[in-house]
Amino acid sequence: MATLNDLGLSDYEARVYRALLSAGSATAKELSLASDVPMGRVYDVLGSLEKHSLVRSQESSRPKKYVAVEPETALERLVDDKRRELEQEIERYEEIANDLQERLESNEPVEDRFWTAAVGAEDSVDLLLERIDSSRDSISIVVGDLSPQLDPDTVGDSVLDALLEAVDEGVKVKMLVSPDVIDKLGADVQNRYAEVISENPRFEVRTLPELYGTFNVIDDIEICVEVTNPLAPDRVLAMIDLKDPEFASEVKDEFDSQWSEATGF
């Protein structure tokens, strides 16, 4: 069962606040008796509750009387306090991550061939987004078709968000798409892509009929290839990521050849 402690109040604070709700208004001595909080602590507890705007005091009365803020308002204020704390924590972790990134960045490129794979549609999308995020120079994308497993608008938005972050970091993006894939996108996603293209000179999309397969060339040294399930061609089996500069260069040359024949989005 949820308690006021879950929102950050101490046991003493929760007991005094509840006692004050029951009493309507009360002095510190009365609250000490009603809540079983020692008299030597009750003033500190009331001061803390006032600091969090959970109780109000009547300064003119002698002895001073207190009244509880309505529960709905009090809970909203406690949640707001927690939200601010979490935002501060997030900012602190982001600063730590930014500081560590520079020190953990690898100075040596991967020279040898290296490959990995993600199995299933969702994990395949996650791997693609990860590799897009890793790009530092260029991304060349071919989307010949979309699996019925994947919602085109959801995936389209997620990929666009990742590509925009890459473009903001100076990465140049070229996307070659079949007209069928564009037709599968909703109007909102199509309009968003069109707006992004018009505002970002480093982001280009072209269309070409009879495109087959879906793959991505990252920084001209790495390839992400979507593999369909041979037993169910309408489903994604895996995403294979291969680091091989020589092979990636050959694929990029073929991409450039197709790109020159494509038309604007």
C-alpha atoms as a PDB file:
ATOM      1  CA  MET A   1       0.000   0.000   0.000  1.00  0.00           C
ATOM      2  CA  ALA A   2       1.318   3.443  -0.924  1.00  0.00           C
ATOM      3  CA  THR A   3       2.224   5.800   1.928  1.00  0.00           C
ATOM      4  CA  LEU A   4       3.395   9.376   2.309  1.00  0.00           C
ATOM      5  CA  ASN A   5       6.863   7.947   2.891  1.00  0.00           C
ATOM      6  CA  ASP A   6       6.888   6.860  -0.763  1.00  0.00           C
ATOM      7  CA  LEU A   7       6.715  10.545  -1.715  1.00  0.00           C
ATOM      8  CA  GLY A   8       9.589  11.539   0.527  1.00  0.00           C
ATOM      9  CA  LEU A   9       8.082  12.282   3.928  1.00  0.00           C
ATOM     10  CA  SER A  10       9.715  10.862   7.040  1.00  0.00           C
ATOM     11  CA  ASP A  11       7.673   8.806   9.515  1.00  0.00           C
ATOM     12  CA  TYR A  12       7.410  11.773  11.868  1.00  0.00           C
ATOM     13  CA  GLU A  13       6.359  14.127   9.060  1.00  0.00           C
ATOM     14  CA  ALA A  14       3.703  11.709   7.807  1.00  0.00           C
ATOM     15  CA  ARG A  15       2.314  11.189  11.325  1.00  0.00           C
ATOM     16  CA  VAL A  16       2.142  14.916  12.085  1.00  0.00           C
ATOM     17  CA  TYR A  17       0.509  15.704   8.729  1.00  0.00           C
ATOM     18  CA  ARG A  18      -2.128  12.994   9.242  1.00  0.00           C
ATOM     19  CA  ALA A  19      -2.782  14.144  12.795  1.00  0.00           C
ATOM     20  CA  LEU A  20      -3.234  17.701  11.578  1.00  0.00           C
ATOM     21  CA  LEU A  21      -5.701  16.567   8.914  1.00  0.00           C
ATOM     22  CA  SER A  22      -7.765  14.888  11.633  1.00  0.00           C
ATOM     23  CA  ALA A  23      -7.531  17.829  14.027  1.00  0.00           C
ATOM     24  CA  GLY A  24      -8.334  20.583  11.528  1.00  0.00           C
ATOM     25  CA  SER A  25      -6.060  22.980  13.411  1.00  0.00           C
ATOM     26  CA  ALA A  26      -3.792  22.346  16.369  1.00  0.00           C
ATOM     27  CA  THR A  27      -0.833  23.602  18.363  1.00  0.00           C
ATOM     28  CA  ALA A  28       2.536  21.882  18.386  1.00  0.00           C
ATOM     29  CA  LYS A  29       1.815  20.396  21.805  1.00  0.00           C
ATOM     30  CA  GLU A  30      -1.531  19.016  20.648  1.00  0.00           C
ATOM     31  CA  LEU A  31       0.086  17.532  17.550  1.00  0.00           C
ATOM     32  CA  SER A  32       2.829  15.950  19.623  1.00  0.00           C
ATOM     33  CA  LEU A  33       0.234  14.163  21.694  1.00  0.00           C
ATOM     34  CA  ALA A  34      -1.955  13.190  18.730  1.00  0.00           C
ATOM     35  CA  SER A  35       0.908  11.887  16.583  1.00  0.00           C
ATOM     36  CA  ASP A  36       3.190  10.388  19.270  1.00  0.00           C
ATOM     37  CA  VAL A  37       6.023  12.556  17.943  1.00  0.00           C
ATOM     38  CA  PRO A  38       8.234  13.734  20.845  1.00  0.00           C
ATOM     39  CA  MET A  39       7.762  17.376  21.790  1.00  0.00           C
ATOM     40  CA  GLY A  40      11.470  17.936  21.268  1.00  0.00           C
ATOM     41  CA  ARG A  41      11.086  16.973  17.610  1.00  0.00           C
ATOM     42  CA  VAL A  42       7.659  18.263  16.665  1.00  0.00           C
ATOM     43  CA  TYR A  43       8.775  21.845  15.939  1.00  0.00           C
ATOM     44  CA  ASP A  44      11.470  20.638  13.529  1.00  0.00           C
ATOM     45  CA  VAL A  45       8.916  18.392  11.832  1.00  0.00           C
ATOM     46  CA  LEU A  46       6.419  21.227  11.492  1.00  0.00           C
ATOM     47  CA  GLY A  47       9.148  23.479  10.129  1.00  0.00           C
ATOM     48  CA  SER A  48       9.995  20.879   7.500  1.00  0.00           C
ATOM     49  CA  LEU A  49       6.338  20.482   6.534  1.00  0.00           C
ATOM     50  CA  GLU A  50       6.021  24.264   6.218  1.00  0.00           C
ATOM     51  CA  LYS A  51       9.138  24.372   4.062  1.00  0.00           C
ATOM     52  CA  HIS A  52       7.477  21.885   1.686  1.00  0.00           C
ATOM     53  CA  SER A  53       4.254  23.957   1.770  1.00  0.00           C
ATOM     54  CA  LEU A  54       2.267  21.103   3.295  1.00  0.00           C
ATOM     55  CA  VAL A  55       1.080  23.024   6.380  1.00  0.00           C
ATOM     56  CA  ARG A  56       0.289  26.640   7.150  1.00  0.00           C
ATOM     57  CA  SER A  57       0.698  28.388  10.482  1.00  0.00           C
ATOM     58  CA  GLN A  58      -1.251  31.131  12.217  1.00  0.00           C
ATOM     59  CA  GLU A  59       1.453  33.460  13.511  1.00  0.00           C
ATOM     60  CA  SER A  60      -0.916  35.720  15.441  1.00  0.00           C
ATOM     61  CA  SER A  61      -2.195  33.028  17.778  1.00  0.00           C
ATOM     62  CA  ARG A  62      -0.443  32.216  21.036  1.00  0.00           C
ATOM     63  CA  PRO A  63       0.500  29.434  21.083  1.00  0.00           C
ATOM     64  CA  LYS A  64       0.941  29.195  17.296  1.00  0.00           C
ATOM     65  CA  LYS A  65      -1.587  27.014  15.520  1.00  0.00           C
ATOM     66  CA  TYR A  66      -1.128  24.955  12.391  1.00  0.00           C
ATOM     67  CA  VAL A  67      -3.462  23.719   9.667  1.00  0.00           C
ATOM     68  CA  ALA A  68      -2.809  21.104   6.968  1.00  0.00           C
ATOM     69  CA  VAL A  69      -2.877  21.962   3.278  1.00  0.00           C
ATOM     70  CA  GLU A  70      -5.603  19.989   1.485  1.00  0.00           C
ATOM     71  CA  PRO A  71      -4.436  16.466   0.520  1.00  0.00           C
ATOM     72  CA  GLU A  72      -4.842  16.993  -3.236  1.00  0.00           C
ATOM     73  CA  THR A  73      -2.664  20.109  -3.166  1.00  0.00           C
ATOM     74  CA  ALA A  74      -0.178  18.546  -0.760  1.00  0.00           C
ATOM     75  CA  LEU A  75       0.272  15.457  -2.928  1.00  0.00           C
ATOM     76  CA  GLU A  76       0.747  17.576  -6.051  1.00  0.00           C
ATOM     77  CA  ARG A  77       3.474  19.537  -4.262  1.00  0.00           C
ATOM     78  CA  LEU A  78       5.207  16.368  -3.114  1.00  0.00           C
ATOM     79  CA  VAL A  79       5.135  14.985  -6.659  1.00  0.00           C
ATOM     80  CA  ASP A  80       6.508  18.278  -8.010  1.00  0.00           C
ATOM     81  CA  ASP A  81       9.344  18.098  -5.472  1.00  0.00           C
ATOM     82  CA  LYS A  82      10.166  14.556  -6.573  1.00  0.00           C
ATOM     83  CA  ARG A  83      10.022  15.591 -10.218  1.00  0.00           C
ATOM     84  CA  ARG A  84      12.532  18.385  -9.599  1.00  0.00           C
ATOM     85  CA  GLU A  85      14.805  15.991  -7.724  1.00  0.00           C
ATOM     86  CA  LEU A  86      14.676  13.486 -10.581  1.00  0.00           C
ATOM     87  CA  GLU A  87      15.369  16.186 -13.177  1.00  0.00           C
ATOM     88  CA  GLN A  88      18.399  17.287 -11.196  1.00  0.00           C
ATOM     89  CA  GLU A  89      19.570  13.677 -10.970  1.00  0.00           C
ATOM     90  CA  ILE A  90      19.132  13.221 -14.708  1.00  0.00           C
ATOM     91  CA  GLU A  91      21.148  16.376 -15.383  1.00  0.00           C
ATOM     92  CA  ARG A  92      23.887  15.114 -13.076  1.00  0.00           C
ATOM     93  CA  TYR A  93      24.023  11.722 -14.808  1.00  0.00           C
ATOM     94  CA  GLU A  94      24.104  13.403 -18.228  1.00  0.00           C
ATOM     95  CA  GLU A  95      27.045  15.545 -17.127  1.00  0.00           C
ATOM     96  CA  ILE A  96      28.831  12.432 -15.886  1.00  0.00           C
ATOM     97  CA  ALA A  97      28.110  10.623 -19.162  1.00  0.00           C
ATOM     98  CA  ASN A  98      29.379  13.558 -21.241  1.00  0.00           C
ATOM     99  CA  ASP A  99      32.544  13.708 -19.164  1.00  0.00           C
ATOM    100  CA  LEU A 100      33.119   9.964 -19.464  1.00  0.00           C
ATOM    101  CA  GLN A 101      32.415   9.849 -23.192  1.00  0.00           C
ATOM    102  CA  GLU A 102      35.515  11.850 -24.047  1.00  0.00           C
ATOM    103  CA  ARG A 103      37.696   9.642 -21.875  1.00  0.00           C
ATOM    104  CA  LEU A 104      36.160   6.352 -23.041  1.00  0.00           C
ATOM    105  CA  GLU A 105      36.120   7.194 -26.758  1.00  0.00           C
ATOM    106  CA  SER A 106      38.254   4.696 -28.638  1.00  0.00           C
ATOM    107  CA  ASN A 107      41.163   6.263 -30.488  1.00  0.00           C
ATOM    108  CA  GLU A 108      41.875   3.203 -32.583  1.00  0.00           C
ATOM    109  CA  PRO A 109      39.477   2.238 -35.386  1.00  0.00           C
ATOM    110  CA  VAL A 110      38.502  -1.401 -35.727  1.00  0.00           C
ATOM    111  CA  GLU A 111      40.757  -2.742 -38.453  1.00  0.00           C
ATOM    112  CA  ASP A 112      39.670  -6.376 -38.450  1.00  0.00           C
ATOM    113  CA  ARG A 113      36.343  -7.696 -39.611  1.00  0.00           C
ATOM    114  CA  PHE A 114      33.775  -7.801 -36.858  1.00  0.00           C
ATOM    115  CA  TRP A 115      30.116  -8.716 -36.950  1.00  0.00           C
ATOM    116  CA  THR A 116      27.198  -9.002 -34.601  1.00  0.00           C
ATOM    117  CA  ALA A 117      23.487  -9.703 -34.985  1.00  0.00           C
ATOM    118  CA  ALA A 118      20.147  -8.950 -33.353  1.00  0.00           C
ATOM    119  CA  VAL A 119      17.382 -11.511 -33.761  1.00  0.00           C
ATOM    120  CA  GLY A 120      13.750 -10.489 -34.158  1.00  0.00           C
ATOM    121  CA  ALA A 121      12.053  -7.332 -35.374  1.00  0.00           C
ATOM    122  CA  GLU A 122      12.255  -5.178 -32.238  1.00  0.00           C
ATOM    123  CA  ASP A 123      15.871  -6.034 -31.433  1.00  0.00           C
ATOM    124  CA  SER A 124      16.783  -5.436 -35.072  1.00  0.00           C
ATOM    125  CA  VAL A 125      15.376  -1.906 -34.909  1.00  0.00           C
ATOM    126  CA  ASP A 126      17.231  -1.309 -31.629  1.00  0.00           C
ATOM    127  CA  LEU A 127      20.520  -2.391 -33.211  1.00  0.00           C
ATOM    128  CA  LEU A 128      19.936  -0.133 -36.211  1.00  0.00           C
ATOM    129  CA  LEU A 129      19.230   2.875 -33.962  1.00  0.00           C
ATOM    130  CA  GLU A 130      22.374   2.101 -31.964  1.00  0.00           C
ATOM    131  CA  ARG A 131      24.558   2.002 -35.080  1.00  0.00           C
ATOM    132  CA  ILE A 132      23.015   5.206 -36.436  1.00  0.00           C
ATOM    133  CA  ASP A 133      23.905   6.839 -33.135  1.00  0.00           C
ATOM    134  CA  SER A 134      27.513   5.625 -33.506  1.00  0.00           C
ATOM    135  CA  SER A 135      28.004   7.327 -36.892  1.00  0.00           C
ATOM    136  CA  ARG A 136      30.468  10.196 -37.111  1.00  0.00           C
ATOM    137  CA  ASP A 137      30.643  10.934 -40.844  1.00  0.00           C
ATOM    138  CA  SER A 138      27.965   9.526 -43.158  1.00  0.00           C
ATOM    139  CA  ILE A 139      24.986   7.199 -43.348  1.00  0.00           C
ATOM    140  CA  SER A 140      23.717   5.723 -46.614  1.00  0.00           C
ATOM    141  CA  ILE A 141      20.367   3.948 -46.309  1.00  0.00           C
ATOM    142  CA  VAL A 142      18.415   1.712 -48.665  1.00  0.00           C
ATOM    143  CA  VAL A 143      14.830   0.822 -47.725  1.00  0.00           C
ATOM    144  CA  GLY A 144      13.356  -1.468 -50.351  1.00  0.00           C
ATOM    145  CA  ASP A 145      10.471  -2.702 -48.221  1.00  0.00           C
ATOM    146  CA  LEU A 146       9.089  -2.791 -44.682  1.00  0.00           C
ATOM    147  CA  SER A 147       8.122  -5.976 -42.894  1.00  0.00           C
ATOM    148  CA  PRO A 148       4.431  -6.230 -41.929  1.00  0.00           C
ATOM    149  CA  GLN A 149       5.778  -6.936 -38.430  1.00  0.00           C
ATOM    150  CA  LEU A 150       6.875  -3.321 -38.120  1.00  0.00           C
ATOM    151  CA  ASP A 151       4.556  -0.360 -37.834  1.00  0.00           C
ATOM    152  CA  PRO A 152       5.871   1.953 -40.576  1.00  0.00           C
ATOM    153  CA  ASP A 153       4.951   5.169 -38.778  1.00  0.00           C
ATOM    154  CA  THR A 154       6.457   4.142 -35.442  1.00  0.00           C
ATOM    155  CA  VAL A 155       9.670   2.862 -37.014  1.00  0.00           C
ATOM    156  CA  GLY A 156       9.774   5.789 -39.423  1.00  0.00           C
ATOM    157  CA  ASP A 157       9.546   8.274 -36.561  1.00  0.00           C
ATOM    158  CA  SER A 158      12.147   6.448 -34.450  1.00  0.00           C
ATOM    159  CA  VAL A 159      14.626   6.243 -37.312  1.00  0.00           C
ATOM    160  CA  LEU A 160      14.040   9.885 -38.231  1.00  0.00           C
ATOM    161  CA  ASP A 161      14.688  10.978 -34.637  1.00  0.00           C
ATOM    162  CA  ALA A 162      17.975   9.055 -34.623  1.00  0.00           C
ATOM    163  CA  LEU A 163      18.984  10.445 -38.021  1.00  0.00           C
ATOM    164  CA  LEU A 164      18.215  14.010 -36.929  1.00  0.00           C
ATOM    165  CA  GLU A 165      20.486  13.617 -33.904  1.00  0.00           C
ATOM    166  CA  ALA A 166      23.215  12.347 -36.232  1.00  0.00           C
ATOM    167  CA  VAL A 167      22.692  15.252 -38.651  1.00  0.00           C
ATOM    168  CA  ASP A 168      22.942  17.699 -35.742  1.00  0.00           C
ATOM    169  CA  GLU A 169      26.345  16.153 -34.990  1.00  0.00           C
ATOM    170  CA  GLY A 170      27.493  16.814 -38.565  1.00  0.00           C
ATOM    171  CA  VAL A 171      26.703  13.448 -40.150  1.00  0.00           C
ATOM    172  CA  LYS A 172      25.571  13.478 -43.782  1.00  0.00           C
ATOM    173  CA  VAL A 173      22.547  11.249 -44.485  1.00  0.00           C
ATOM    174  CA  LYS A 174      21.412   9.850 -47.828  1.00  0.00           C
ATOM    175  CA  MET A 175      18.276   7.702 -47.889  1.00  0.00           C
ATOM    176  CA  LEU A 176      17.182   5.722 -50.946  1.00  0.00           C
ATOM    177  CA  VAL A 177      13.577   4.536 -50.632  1.00  0.00           C
ATOM    178  CA  SER A 178      11.163   2.652 -52.837  1.00  0.00           C
ATOM    179  CA  PRO A 179       7.837   4.382 -53.657  1.00  0.00           C
ATOM    180  CA  ASP A 180       6.024   1.459 -52.005  1.00  0.00           C
ATOM    181  CA  VAL A 181       7.653   2.238 -48.664  1.00  0.00           C
ATOM    182  CA  ILE A 182       6.667   5.903 -48.911  1.00  0.00           C
ATOM    183  CA  ASP A 183       3.077   4.864 -49.655  1.00  0.00           C
ATOM    184  CA  LYS A 184       3.042   2.824 -46.434  1.00  0.00           C
ATOM    185  CA  LEU A 185       3.927   5.859 -44.335  1.00  0.00           C
ATOM    186  CA  GLY A 186       1.124   7.957 -42.916  1.00  0.00           C
ATOM    187  CA  ALA A 187       0.667  11.545 -44.057  1.00  0.00           C
ATOM    188  CA  ASP A 188       2.053  12.945 -40.800  1.00  0.00           C
ATOM    189  CA  VAL A 189       5.299  10.982 -41.098  1.00  0.00           C
ATOM    190  CA  GLN A 190       5.632  11.842 -44.799  1.00  0.00           C
ATOM    191  CA  ASN A 191       5.177  15.534 -44.013  1.00  0.00           C
ATOM    192  CA  ARG A 192       7.699  15.344 -41.212  1.00  0.00           C
ATOM    193  CA  TYR A 193      10.306  13.801 -43.521  1.00  0.00           C
ATOM    194  CA  ALA A 194       9.562  16.438 -46.176  1.00  0.00           C
ATOM    195  CA  GLU A 195       9.994  19.224 -43.611  1.00  0.00           C
ATOM    196  CA  VAL A 196      13.263  17.766 -42.334  1.00  0.00           C
ATOM    197  CA  ILE A 197      14.626  17.406 -45.863  1.00  0.00           C
ATOM    198  CA  SER A 198      13.791  21.010 -46.730  1.00  0.00           C
ATOM    199  CA  GLU A 199      15.493  22.354 -43.595  1.00  0.00           C
ATOM    200  CA  ASN A 200      18.599  20.131 -43.459  1.00  0.00           C
ATOM    201  CA  PRO A 201      20.984  20.243 -46.424  1.00  0.00           C
ATOM    202  CA  ARG A 202      22.886  17.269 -44.986  1.00  0.00           C
ATOM    203  CA  PHE A 203      19.734  15.108 -45.112  1.00  0.00           C
ATOM    204  CA  GLU A 204      18.639  13.866 -48.554  1.00  0.00           C
ATOM    205  CA  VAL A 205      15.979  11.359 -49.604  1.00  0.00           C
ATOM    206  CA  ARG A 206      15.482   9.989 -53.095  1.00  0.00           C
ATOM    207  CA  THR A 207      13.181   7.336 -54.522  1.00  0.00           C
ATOM    208  CA  LEU A 208      13.890   4.525 -56.941  1.00  0.00           C
ATOM    209  CA  PRO A 209      11.486   1.820 -58.174  1.00  0.00           C
ATOM    210  CA  GLU A 210      12.344  -1.854 -57.810  1.00  0.00           C
ATOM    211  CA  LEU A 211      14.603  -1.499 -54.812  1.00  0.00           C
ATOM    212  CA  TYR A 212      15.259  -4.772 -53.051  1.00  0.00           C
ATOM    213  CA  GLY A 213      16.409  -5.374 -49.512  1.00  0.00           C
ATOM    214  CA  THR A 214      17.074  -3.013 -46.658  1.00  0.00           C
ATOM    215  CA  PHE A 215      20.573  -2.068 -45.533  1.00  0.00           C
ATOM    216  CA  ASN A 216      22.618   0.812 -44.153  1.00  0.00           C
ATOM    217  CA  VAL A 217      26.220   1.823 -44.752  1.00  0.00           C
ATOM    218  CA  ILE A 218      27.691   3.575 -41.711  1.00  0.00           C
ATOM    219  CA  ASP A 219      30.752   5.820 -42.190  1.00  0.00           C
ATOM    220  CA  ASP A 220      31.705   3.762 -45.286  1.00  0.00           C
ATOM    221  CA  ILE A 221      33.180   1.042 -43.032  1.00  0.00           C
ATOM    222  CA  GLU A 222      30.165  -0.727 -41.551  1.00  0.00           C
ATOM    223  CA  ILE A 223      26.999  -2.296 -42.934  1.00  0.00           C
ATOM    224  CA  CYS A 224      23.694  -3.099 -41.214  1.00  0.00           C
ATOM    225  CA  VAL A 225      21.680  -5.554 -43.278  1.00  0.00           C
ATOM    226  CA  GLU A 226      18.119  -6.628 -42.523  1.00  0.00           C
ATOM    227  CA  VAL A 227      17.635 -10.357 -43.100  1.00  0.00           C
ATOM    228  CA  THR A 228      14.172 -11.780 -43.801  1.00  0.00           C
ATOM    229  CA  ASN A 229      13.046 -15.088 -42.381  1.00  0.00           C
ATOM    230  CA  PRO A 230      13.466 -17.720 -45.129  1.00  0.00           C
ATOM    231  CA  LEU A 231      10.477 -19.628 -43.728  1.00  0.00           C
ATOM    232  CA  ALA A 232       8.313 -16.499 -43.536  1.00  0.00           C
ATOM    233  CA  PRO A 233       9.484 -13.868 -46.031  1.00  0.00           C
ATOM    234  CA  ASP A 234       7.133 -11.248 -44.596  1.00  0.00           C
ATOM    235  CA  ARG A 235       8.907 -11.366 -41.217  1.00  0.00           C
ATOM    236  CA  VAL A 236      12.266 -10.066 -40.008  1.00  0.00           C
ATOM    237  CA  LEU A 237      14.734 -12.735 -38.954  1.00  0.00           C
ATOM    238  CA  ALA A 238      17.600 -10.514 -37.835  1.00  0.00           C
ATOM    239  CA  MET A 239      19.733  -7.436 -38.350  1.00  0.00           C
ATOM    240  CA  ILE A 240      23.357  -8.236 -39.089  1.00  0.00           C
ATOM    241  CA  ASP A 241      25.974  -5.574 -38.442  1.00  0.00           C
ATOM    242  CA  LEU A 242      29.275  -6.106 -40.234  1.00  0.00           C
ATOM    243  CA  LYS A 243      32.386  -3.964 -39.894  1.00  0.00           C
ATOM    244  CA  ASP A 244      34.442  -4.540 -43.016  1.00  0.00           C
ATOM    245  CA  PRO A 245      35.823  -1.386 -44.696  1.00  0.00           C
ATOM    246  CA  GLU A 246      36.631  -3.175 -47.970  1.00  0.00           C
ATOM    247  CA  PHE A 247      33.204  -4.760 -48.371  1.00  0.00           C
ATOM    248  CA  ALA A 248      31.459  -1.602 -47.151  1.00  0.00           C
ATOM    249  CA  SER A 249      33.312   0.403 -49.798  1.00  0.00           C
ATOM    250  CA  GLU A 250      32.045  -1.932 -52.545  1.00  0.00           C
ATOM    251  CA  VAL A 251      28.474  -1.651 -51.272  1.00  0.00           C
ATOM    252  CA  LYS A 252      28.789   2.133 -51.039  1.00  0.00           C
ATOM    253  CA  ASP A 253      29.938   2.301 -54.663  1.00  0.00           C
ATOM    254  CA  GLU A 254      26.817   0.385 -55.704  1.00  0.00           C
ATOM    255  CA  PHE A 255      24.696   2.692 -53.572  1.00  0.00           C
ATOM    256  CA  ASP A 256      26.200   5.759 -55.262  1.00  0.00           C
ATOM    257  CA  SER A 257      25.420   4.271 -58.660  1.00  0.00           C
ATOM    258  CA  GLN A 258      21.773   3.726 -57.692  1.00  0.00           C
ATOM    259  CA  TRP A 259      21.632   7.152 -56.066  1.00  0.00           C
ATOM    260  CA  SER A 260      22.566   8.906 -59.299  1.00  0.00           C
ATOM    261  CA  GLU A 261      19.580   7.296 -61.054  1.00  0.00           C
ATOM    262  CA  ALA A 262      17.058   8.115 -58.305  1.00  0.00           C
ATOM    263  CA  THR A 263      14.665  11.056 -58.155  1.00  0.00           C
ATOM    264  CA  GLY A 264      14.010  13.521 -55.329  1.00  0.00           C
ATOM    265  CA  PHE A 265      11.497  12.751 -52.582  1.00  0.00           C
END
